Amino acid sequence: MFFGKLKVLVAEDSKLQRAMLVTILKARKDYTIIEAADGLEAQQLIEKKRPQLCILDVEMPGMRGHELCFWMKSNDKFAHIPVMIVTATTKNAKMSDEELCVKFKADDFITKPYQSADIYKRIDQLIKSYTGPEKGGTRMLQNKIRWRL
């Protein structure tokens, strides 16, 4: 469980999309926001700032959101941090964004366009299901989706 303001990293290469997401999060006043414009900057900020939740866009220069998530979940220092992937609907892909999120060990995902209530609900669910670093963080998405894949 988290106490005080939740430190959230928002990694999104689109300035407009990042600003919209940051505005949604700041409206709640429960979060300290860290912003990254690409995957490599996000990786550096994760190492330096140690966020308690990461919201990663799928398509970013430098390192894609799935790759960054996999790096985090494969690293004992960061594996416990809940990760929400933000996706756009993709058609004709070999693997859906949802399947990629599971493959790369994301804890949850949300599809654009989204409403602020959807973001809050998913963050609340991630925080509620958080078990702490000693127990592997969250595994909400894997448990929720494994029956559908």
N, C-alpha and C. Protein backbone atom coordinates (compact mmCIF):
# COMPACT_ATOMS: atom_id res chain seq x y z
N MET A 1 0.84 -1.18 0.00
CA MET A 1 0.00 0.00 0.00
C MET A 1 0.88 1.24 0.00
N PHE A 2 0.40 2.29 -0.63
CA PHE A 2 1.14 3.54 -0.73
C PHE A 2 0.56 4.56 0.24
N PHE A 3 1.44 5.39 0.79
CA PHE A 3 1.01 6.47 1.67
C PHE A 3 1.53 7.78 1.11
N GLY A 4 0.76 8.84 1.26
CA GLY A 4 1.15 10.13 0.71
C GLY A 4 0.88 10.18 -0.78
N LYS A 5 1.55 11.11 -1.44
CA LYS A 5 1.36 11.26 -2.88
C LYS A 5 2.08 10.12 -3.62
N LEU A 6 1.40 9.60 -4.61
CA LEU A 6 1.95 8.53 -5.44
C LEU A 6 2.82 9.15 -6.53
N LYS A 7 4.07 8.70 -6.64
CA LYS A 7 4.99 9.19 -7.65
C LYS A 7 4.75 8.41 -8.94
N VAL A 8 4.24 9.11 -9.97
CA VAL A 8 3.84 8.48 -11.23
C VAL A 8 4.71 9.00 -12.37
N LEU A 9 5.30 8.06 -13.11
CA LEU A 9 6.02 8.42 -14.33
C LEU A 9 5.07 8.28 -15.51
N VAL A 10 4.97 9.34 -16.30
CA VAL A 10 4.17 9.34 -17.53
C VAL A 10 5.16 9.45 -18.68
N ALA A 11 5.24 8.39 -19.50
CA ALA A 11 6.13 8.37 -20.66
C ALA A 11 5.28 8.34 -21.92
N GLU A 12 5.30 9.44 -22.64
CA GLU A 12 4.47 9.60 -23.86
C GLU A 12 5.21 10.56 -24.78
N ASP A 13 5.44 10.15 -26.03
CA ASP A 13 6.19 11.01 -26.95
C ASP A 13 5.36 12.15 -27.52
N SER A 14 4.05 11.98 -27.60
CA SER A 14 3.19 13.06 -28.09
C SER A 14 3.01 14.10 -26.98
N LYS A 15 3.42 15.34 -27.26
CA LYS A 15 3.29 16.39 -26.25
C LYS A 15 1.84 16.59 -25.85
N LEU A 16 0.94 16.54 -26.82
CA LEU A 16 -0.48 16.74 -26.54
C LEU A 16 -1.03 15.61 -25.67
N GLN A 17 -0.75 14.37 -26.05
CA GLN A 17 -1.24 13.23 -25.27
C GLN A 17 -0.65 13.23 -23.86
N ARG A 18 0.64 13.56 -23.75
CA ARG A 18 1.28 13.61 -22.43
C ARG A 18 0.66 14.70 -21.57
N ALA A 19 0.44 15.87 -22.18
CA ALA A 19 -0.17 16.98 -21.43
C ALA A 19 -1.58 16.63 -20.96
N MET A 20 -2.34 15.94 -21.82
CA MET A 20 -3.70 15.54 -21.42
C MET A 20 -3.66 14.56 -20.25
N LEU A 21 -2.77 13.59 -20.31
CA LEU A 21 -2.67 12.60 -19.24
C LEU A 21 -2.18 13.25 -17.95
N VAL A 22 -1.20 14.12 -18.05
CA VAL A 22 -0.69 14.83 -16.86
C VAL A 22 -1.80 15.69 -16.25
N THR A 23 -2.57 16.37 -17.07
CA THR A 23 -3.68 17.20 -16.59
C THR A 23 -4.71 16.35 -15.85
N ILE A 24 -5.03 15.20 -16.40
CA ILE A 24 -5.96 14.28 -15.73
C ILE A 24 -5.42 13.88 -14.36
N LEU A 25 -4.16 13.53 -14.30
CA LEU A 25 -3.56 13.08 -13.04
C LEU A 25 -3.44 14.21 -12.03
N LYS A 26 -3.05 15.40 -12.48
CA LYS A 26 -2.89 16.53 -11.56
C LYS A 26 -4.23 16.98 -10.98
N ALA A 27 -5.32 16.76 -11.69
CA ALA A 27 -6.64 17.16 -11.20
C ALA A 27 -6.99 16.43 -9.91
N ARG A 28 -6.47 15.26 -9.73
CA ARG A 28 -6.77 14.47 -8.54
C ARG A 28 -5.93 14.88 -7.33
N LYS A 29 -4.81 15.50 -7.56
CA LYS A 29 -3.92 16.02 -6.51
C LYS A 29 -3.34 14.94 -5.60
N ASP A 30 -3.44 13.69 -6.02
CA ASP A 30 -2.89 12.58 -5.24
C ASP A 30 -1.56 12.10 -5.79
N TYR A 31 -1.08 12.75 -6.85
CA TYR A 31 0.07 12.25 -7.56
C TYR A 31 1.16 13.31 -7.72
N THR A 32 2.39 12.87 -7.63
CA THR A 32 3.55 13.66 -8.05
C THR A 32 3.91 13.10 -9.42
N ILE A 33 3.96 13.96 -10.42
CA ILE A 33 4.13 13.52 -11.80
C ILE A 33 5.56 13.72 -12.27
N ILE A 34 6.10 12.70 -12.90
CA ILE A 34 7.40 12.75 -13.57
C ILE A 34 7.10 12.51 -15.05
N GLU A 35 7.63 13.35 -15.94
CA GLU A 35 7.34 13.23 -17.36
C GLU A 35 8.56 12.83 -18.17
N ALA A 36 8.31 11.98 -19.17
CA ALA A 36 9.35 11.58 -20.12
C ALA A 36 8.78 11.64 -21.53
N ALA A 37 9.61 12.08 -22.48
CA ALA A 37 9.16 12.24 -23.86
C ALA A 37 9.51 11.04 -24.74
N ASP A 38 10.31 10.11 -24.21
CA ASP A 38 10.63 8.91 -24.98
C ASP A 38 11.04 7.79 -24.02
N GLY A 39 11.21 6.62 -24.58
CA GLY A 39 11.49 5.45 -23.75
C GLY A 39 12.83 5.50 -23.04
N LEU A 40 13.85 6.03 -23.71
CA LEU A 40 15.17 6.09 -23.07
C LEU A 40 15.19 7.09 -21.92
N GLU A 41 14.53 8.23 -22.10
CA GLU A 41 14.43 9.20 -21.01
C GLU A 41 13.66 8.59 -19.85
N ALA A 42 12.59 7.85 -20.16
CA ALA A 42 11.80 7.19 -19.12
C ALA A 42 12.66 6.19 -18.35
N GLN A 43 13.48 5.43 -19.06
CA GLN A 43 14.35 4.46 -18.41
C GLN A 43 15.30 5.16 -17.42
N GLN A 44 15.89 6.27 -17.85
CA GLN A 44 16.80 7.02 -16.98
C GLN A 44 16.06 7.55 -15.75
N LEU A 45 14.84 8.06 -15.95
CA LEU A 45 14.06 8.60 -14.83
C LEU A 45 13.63 7.50 -13.86
N ILE A 46 13.33 6.33 -14.38
CA ILE A 46 12.99 5.20 -13.50
C ILE A 46 14.17 4.87 -12.60
N GLU A 47 15.37 4.86 -13.18
CA GLU A 47 16.56 4.56 -12.38
C GLU A 47 16.85 5.65 -11.35
N LYS A 48 16.63 6.92 -11.71
CA LYS A 48 16.96 8.04 -10.82
C LYS A 48 15.86 8.38 -9.82
N LYS A 49 14.61 8.40 -10.29
CA LYS A 49 13.51 8.92 -9.47
C LYS A 49 12.70 7.83 -8.75
N ARG A 50 12.83 6.59 -9.18
CA ARG A 50 12.13 5.46 -8.55
C ARG A 50 10.62 5.71 -8.40
N PRO A 51 9.90 5.85 -9.52
CA PRO A 51 8.45 6.06 -9.42
C PRO A 51 7.75 4.85 -8.80
N GLN A 52 6.56 5.07 -8.31
CA GLN A 52 5.77 4.00 -7.70
C GLN A 52 4.74 3.43 -8.68
N LEU A 53 4.60 4.08 -9.83
CA LEU A 53 3.71 3.63 -10.89
C LEU A 53 4.23 4.23 -12.19
N CYS A 54 4.21 3.44 -13.27
CA CYS A 54 4.60 3.94 -14.58
C CYS A 54 3.46 3.78 -15.56
N ILE A 55 3.18 4.85 -16.31
CA ILE A 55 2.19 4.83 -17.38
C ILE A 55 2.99 5.07 -18.65
N LEU A 56 3.04 4.04 -19.51
CA LEU A 56 3.91 4.05 -20.67
C LEU A 56 3.11 3.96 -21.96
N ASP A 57 3.39 4.84 -22.90
CA ASP A 57 2.82 4.72 -24.23
C ASP A 57 3.51 3.57 -24.95
N VAL A 58 2.78 2.89 -25.83
CA VAL A 58 3.35 1.78 -26.58
C VAL A 58 4.40 2.27 -27.56
N GLU A 59 4.02 3.22 -28.39
CA GLU A 59 4.89 3.69 -29.48
C GLU A 59 5.65 4.94 -29.04
N MET A 60 6.93 4.74 -28.72
CA MET A 60 7.80 5.85 -28.36
C MET A 60 9.14 5.66 -29.05
N PRO A 61 9.82 6.75 -29.39
CA PRO A 61 11.18 6.61 -29.93
C PRO A 61 12.16 6.17 -28.84
N GLY A 62 13.26 5.61 -29.26
CA GLY A 62 14.30 5.20 -28.32
C GLY A 62 14.05 3.81 -27.77
N MET A 63 12.94 3.63 -27.10
CA MET A 63 12.55 2.35 -26.55
C MET A 63 11.02 2.35 -26.46
N ARG A 64 10.40 1.35 -27.06
CA ARG A 64 8.94 1.25 -27.03
C ARG A 64 8.47 0.93 -25.61
N GLY A 65 7.22 1.26 -25.33
CA GLY A 65 6.66 1.01 -24.01
C GLY A 65 6.73 -0.44 -23.58
N HIS A 66 6.46 -1.37 -24.51
CA HIS A 66 6.55 -2.80 -24.19
C HIS A 66 7.96 -3.20 -23.80
N GLU A 67 8.93 -2.67 -24.54
CA GLU A 67 10.32 -3.00 -24.26
C GLU A 67 10.75 -2.44 -22.90
N LEU A 68 10.33 -1.22 -22.61
CA LEU A 68 10.67 -0.62 -21.33
C LEU A 68 10.02 -1.39 -20.19
N CYS A 69 8.78 -1.79 -20.38
CA CYS A 69 8.09 -2.59 -19.36
C CYS A 69 8.83 -3.90 -19.13
N PHE A 70 9.22 -4.58 -20.21
CA PHE A 70 9.94 -5.85 -20.08
C PHE A 70 11.27 -5.64 -19.36
N TRP A 71 11.97 -4.54 -19.67
CA TRP A 71 13.22 -4.23 -18.98
C TRP A 71 12.97 -4.06 -17.48
N MET A 72 11.90 -3.33 -17.14
CA MET A 72 11.58 -3.11 -15.73
C MET A 72 11.27 -4.44 -15.03
N LYS A 73 10.41 -5.24 -15.63
CA LYS A 73 9.95 -6.48 -15.00
C LYS A 73 11.04 -7.54 -14.95
N SER A 74 12.10 -7.36 -15.75
CA SER A 74 13.23 -8.29 -15.74
C SER A 74 14.33 -7.83 -14.80
N ASN A 75 14.16 -6.68 -14.17
CA ASN A 75 15.17 -6.10 -13.30
C ASN A 75 14.64 -6.12 -11.87
N ASP A 76 15.33 -6.79 -10.99
CA ASP A 76 14.87 -6.92 -9.60
C ASP A 76 14.62 -5.58 -8.91
N LYS A 77 15.34 -4.53 -9.29
CA LYS A 77 15.17 -3.23 -8.67
C LYS A 77 13.83 -2.59 -9.03
N PHE A 78 13.27 -2.95 -10.20
CA PHE A 78 12.08 -2.26 -10.70
C PHE A 78 10.90 -3.18 -10.97
N ALA A 79 11.08 -4.48 -10.83
CA ALA A 79 10.04 -5.46 -11.20
C ALA A 79 8.75 -5.26 -10.42
N HIS A 80 8.85 -4.72 -9.22
CA HIS A 80 7.67 -4.55 -8.38
C HIS A 80 6.82 -3.34 -8.75
N ILE A 81 7.35 -2.43 -9.58
CA ILE A 81 6.64 -1.20 -9.91
C ILE A 81 5.49 -1.51 -10.87
N PRO A 82 4.26 -1.16 -10.51
CA PRO A 82 3.15 -1.39 -11.43
C PRO A 82 3.31 -0.59 -12.72
N VAL A 83 2.99 -1.23 -13.84
CA VAL A 83 3.10 -0.60 -15.16
C VAL A 83 1.76 -0.69 -15.88
N MET A 84 1.28 0.47 -16.33
CA MET A 84 0.09 0.54 -17.17
C MET A 84 0.56 0.99 -18.55
N ILE A 85 0.21 0.22 -19.57
CA ILE A 85 0.55 0.55 -20.94
C ILE A 85 -0.64 1.28 -21.57
N VAL A 86 -0.35 2.38 -22.27
CA VAL A 86 -1.37 3.13 -23.00
C VAL A 86 -1.23 2.75 -24.47
N THR A 87 -2.30 2.25 -25.07
CA THR A 87 -2.24 1.78 -26.44
C THR A 87 -3.27 2.50 -27.31
N ALA A 88 -3.01 2.46 -28.60
CA ALA A 88 -4.01 2.85 -29.59
C ALA A 88 -4.50 1.54 -30.21
N THR A 89 -5.71 1.52 -30.69
CA THR A 89 -6.23 0.31 -31.30
C THR A 89 -5.42 0.00 -32.55
N THR A 90 -4.92 -1.23 -32.62
CA THR A 90 -4.15 -1.63 -33.79
C THR A 90 -4.88 -2.76 -34.49
N LYS A 91 -4.95 -2.66 -35.80
CA LYS A 91 -5.57 -3.70 -36.60
C LYS A 91 -4.50 -4.33 -37.48
N ASN A 92 -4.73 -5.55 -37.86
CA ASN A 92 -3.83 -6.29 -38.74
C ASN A 92 -2.46 -6.52 -38.12
N ALA A 93 -2.36 -6.49 -36.82
CA ALA A 93 -1.10 -6.79 -36.16
C ALA A 93 -1.04 -8.29 -35.88
N LYS A 94 0.18 -8.81 -35.83
CA LYS A 94 0.34 -10.24 -35.53
C LYS A 94 -0.13 -10.55 -34.11
N MET A 95 0.06 -9.59 -33.23
CA MET A 95 -0.31 -9.78 -31.83
C MET A 95 -1.01 -8.50 -31.36
N SER A 96 -2.13 -8.63 -30.66
CA SER A 96 -2.85 -7.45 -30.19
C SER A 96 -2.04 -6.75 -29.10
N ASP A 97 -2.36 -5.49 -28.87
CA ASP A 97 -1.70 -4.75 -27.79
C ASP A 97 -1.92 -5.45 -26.46
N GLU A 98 -3.10 -5.99 -26.26
CA GLU A 98 -3.41 -6.69 -25.02
C GLU A 98 -2.49 -7.90 -24.85
N GLU A 99 -2.30 -8.66 -25.92
CA GLU A 99 -1.41 -9.83 -25.86
C GLU A 99 0.04 -9.40 -25.62
N LEU A 100 0.44 -8.29 -26.26
CA LEU A 100 1.80 -7.78 -26.04
C LEU A 100 2.00 -7.35 -24.59
N CYS A 101 0.98 -6.73 -24.01
CA CYS A 101 1.07 -6.30 -22.61
C CYS A 101 1.30 -7.49 -21.70
N VAL A 102 0.60 -8.57 -21.96
CA VAL A 102 0.78 -9.78 -21.15
C VAL A 102 2.17 -10.36 -21.40
N LYS A 103 2.56 -10.46 -22.66
CA LYS A 103 3.87 -11.02 -23.01
C LYS A 103 5.00 -10.26 -22.34
N PHE A 104 4.89 -8.94 -22.30
CA PHE A 104 5.96 -8.12 -21.75
C PHE A 104 5.73 -7.77 -20.28
N LYS A 105 4.78 -8.43 -19.65
CA LYS A 105 4.56 -8.40 -18.19
C LYS A 105 3.99 -7.09 -17.65
N ALA A 106 3.24 -6.36 -18.46
CA ALA A 106 2.56 -5.15 -17.95
C ALA A 106 1.50 -5.57 -16.94
N ASP A 107 1.20 -4.70 -16.02
CA ASP A 107 0.19 -4.99 -15.01
C ASP A 107 -1.21 -4.63 -15.48
N ASP A 108 -1.31 -3.67 -16.39
CA ASP A 108 -2.60 -3.27 -16.94
C ASP A 108 -2.35 -2.48 -18.21
N PHE A 109 -3.41 -2.23 -18.96
CA PHE A 109 -3.31 -1.39 -20.13
C PHE A 109 -4.62 -0.66 -20.31
N ILE A 110 -4.56 0.44 -21.05
CA ILE A 110 -5.75 1.21 -21.36
C ILE A 110 -5.62 1.66 -22.81
N THR A 111 -6.74 1.66 -23.52
CA THR A 111 -6.75 2.01 -24.93
C THR A 111 -7.22 3.44 -25.13
N LYS A 112 -6.51 4.16 -26.02
CA LYS A 112 -6.92 5.51 -26.40
C LYS A 112 -8.12 5.40 -27.34
N PRO A 113 -9.04 6.30 -27.31
CA PRO A 113 -9.17 7.40 -26.34
C PRO A 113 -9.73 6.87 -25.01
N TYR A 114 -9.40 7.52 -23.95
CA TYR A 114 -9.84 7.11 -22.62
C TYR A 114 -10.43 8.32 -21.90
N GLN A 115 -11.18 8.04 -20.87
CA GLN A 115 -11.77 9.09 -20.03
C GLN A 115 -10.98 9.17 -18.72
N SER A 116 -11.01 10.31 -18.08
CA SER A 116 -10.28 10.46 -16.82
C SER A 116 -10.75 9.45 -15.79
N ALA A 117 -12.03 9.16 -15.75
CA ALA A 117 -12.55 8.18 -14.80
C ALA A 117 -11.93 6.80 -15.02
N ASP A 118 -11.67 6.46 -16.29
CA ASP A 118 -11.03 5.17 -16.60
C ASP A 118 -9.61 5.12 -16.05
N ILE A 119 -8.88 6.21 -16.20
CA ILE A 119 -7.51 6.28 -15.69
C ILE A 119 -7.51 6.13 -14.17
N TYR A 120 -8.37 6.90 -13.49
CA TYR A 120 -8.44 6.83 -12.04
C TYR A 120 -8.79 5.42 -11.56
N LYS A 121 -9.77 4.82 -12.21
CA LYS A 121 -10.22 3.47 -11.81
C LYS A 121 -9.08 2.47 -11.95
N ARG A 122 -8.37 2.52 -13.05
CA ARG A 122 -7.29 1.56 -13.27
C ARG A 122 -6.12 1.78 -12.30
N ILE A 123 -5.80 3.04 -12.04
CA ILE A 123 -4.74 3.32 -11.06
C ILE A 123 -5.17 2.82 -9.69
N ASP A 124 -6.40 3.09 -9.31
CA ASP A 124 -6.90 2.62 -8.02
C ASP A 124 -6.82 1.10 -7.92
N GLN A 125 -7.17 0.41 -9.01
CA GLN A 125 -7.10 -1.06 -9.00
C GLN A 125 -5.65 -1.54 -8.89
N LEU A 126 -4.74 -0.88 -9.58
CA LEU A 126 -3.34 -1.26 -9.48
C LEU A 126 -2.81 -1.06 -8.06
N ILE A 127 -3.16 0.06 -7.46
CA ILE A 127 -2.71 0.34 -6.10
C ILE A 127 -3.32 -0.67 -5.12
N LYS A 128 -4.59 -0.97 -5.31
CA LYS A 128 -5.28 -1.92 -4.44
C LYS A 128 -4.67 -3.32 -4.53
N SER A 129 -4.24 -3.70 -5.73
CA SER A 129 -3.69 -5.05 -5.92
C SER A 129 -2.18 -5.10 -5.68
N TYR A 130 -1.58 -3.96 -5.36
CA TYR A 130 -0.14 -3.91 -5.15
C TYR A 130 0.24 -4.73 -3.92
N THR A 131 1.23 -5.60 -4.10
CA THR A 131 1.65 -6.46 -3.00
C THR A 131 3.00 -6.08 -2.42
N GLY A 132 3.66 -5.12 -3.03
CA GLY A 132 4.97 -4.70 -2.55
C GLY A 132 6.08 -5.44 -3.27
N PRO A 133 7.29 -4.88 -3.21
CA PRO A 133 8.40 -5.47 -3.96
C PRO A 133 8.76 -6.87 -3.51
N GLU A 134 8.57 -7.16 -2.25
CA GLU A 134 8.95 -8.48 -1.75
C GLU A 134 8.06 -9.59 -2.28
N LYS A 135 6.88 -9.25 -2.77
CA LYS A 135 5.97 -10.26 -3.32
C LYS A 135 5.74 -10.08 -4.81
N GLY A 136 6.60 -9.30 -5.46
CA GLY A 136 6.54 -9.20 -6.91
C GLY A 136 5.65 -8.10 -7.46
N GLY A 137 5.20 -7.17 -6.64
CA GLY A 137 4.38 -6.07 -7.14
C GLY A 137 2.98 -6.53 -7.49
N THR A 138 2.51 -6.19 -8.66
CA THR A 138 1.15 -6.58 -9.08
C THR A 138 1.22 -7.56 -10.23
N ARG A 139 0.22 -8.36 -10.35
CA ARG A 139 0.07 -9.25 -11.48
C ARG A 139 -1.38 -9.25 -11.92
N MET A 140 -2.02 -8.10 -11.79
CA MET A 140 -3.45 -7.97 -12.07
C MET A 140 -3.78 -8.32 -13.51
N LEU A 141 -3.05 -7.74 -14.47
CA LEU A 141 -3.38 -7.95 -15.87
C LEU A 141 -3.22 -9.41 -16.25
N GLN A 142 -2.13 -10.03 -15.84
CA GLN A 142 -1.92 -11.42 -16.18
C GLN A 142 -3.04 -12.30 -15.64
N ASN A 143 -3.44 -12.07 -14.41
CA ASN A 143 -4.51 -12.86 -13.81
C ASN A 143 -5.85 -12.59 -14.47
N LYS A 144 -6.10 -11.34 -14.85
CA LYS A 144 -7.37 -10.95 -15.44
C LYS A 144 -7.51 -11.46 -16.87
N ILE A 145 -6.42 -11.49 -17.61
CA ILE A 145 -6.50 -11.76 -19.03
C ILE A 145 -6.19 -13.22 -19.39
N ARG A 146 -5.45 -13.91 -18.60
CA ARG A 146 -4.96 -15.23 -19.03
C ARG A 146 -6.05 -16.16 -19.49
N TRP A 147 -7.26 -15.98 -18.99
CA TRP A 147 -8.37 -16.84 -19.38
C TRP A 147 -8.93 -16.47 -20.75
N ARG A 148 -8.62 -15.26 -21.22
CA ARG A 148 -9.17 -14.81 -22.51
C ARG A 148 -8.22 -15.05 -23.68
N LEU A 149 -6.94 -15.32 -23.43
CA LEU A 149 -5.97 -15.46 -24.52
C LEU A 149 -5.88 -16.89 -25.00
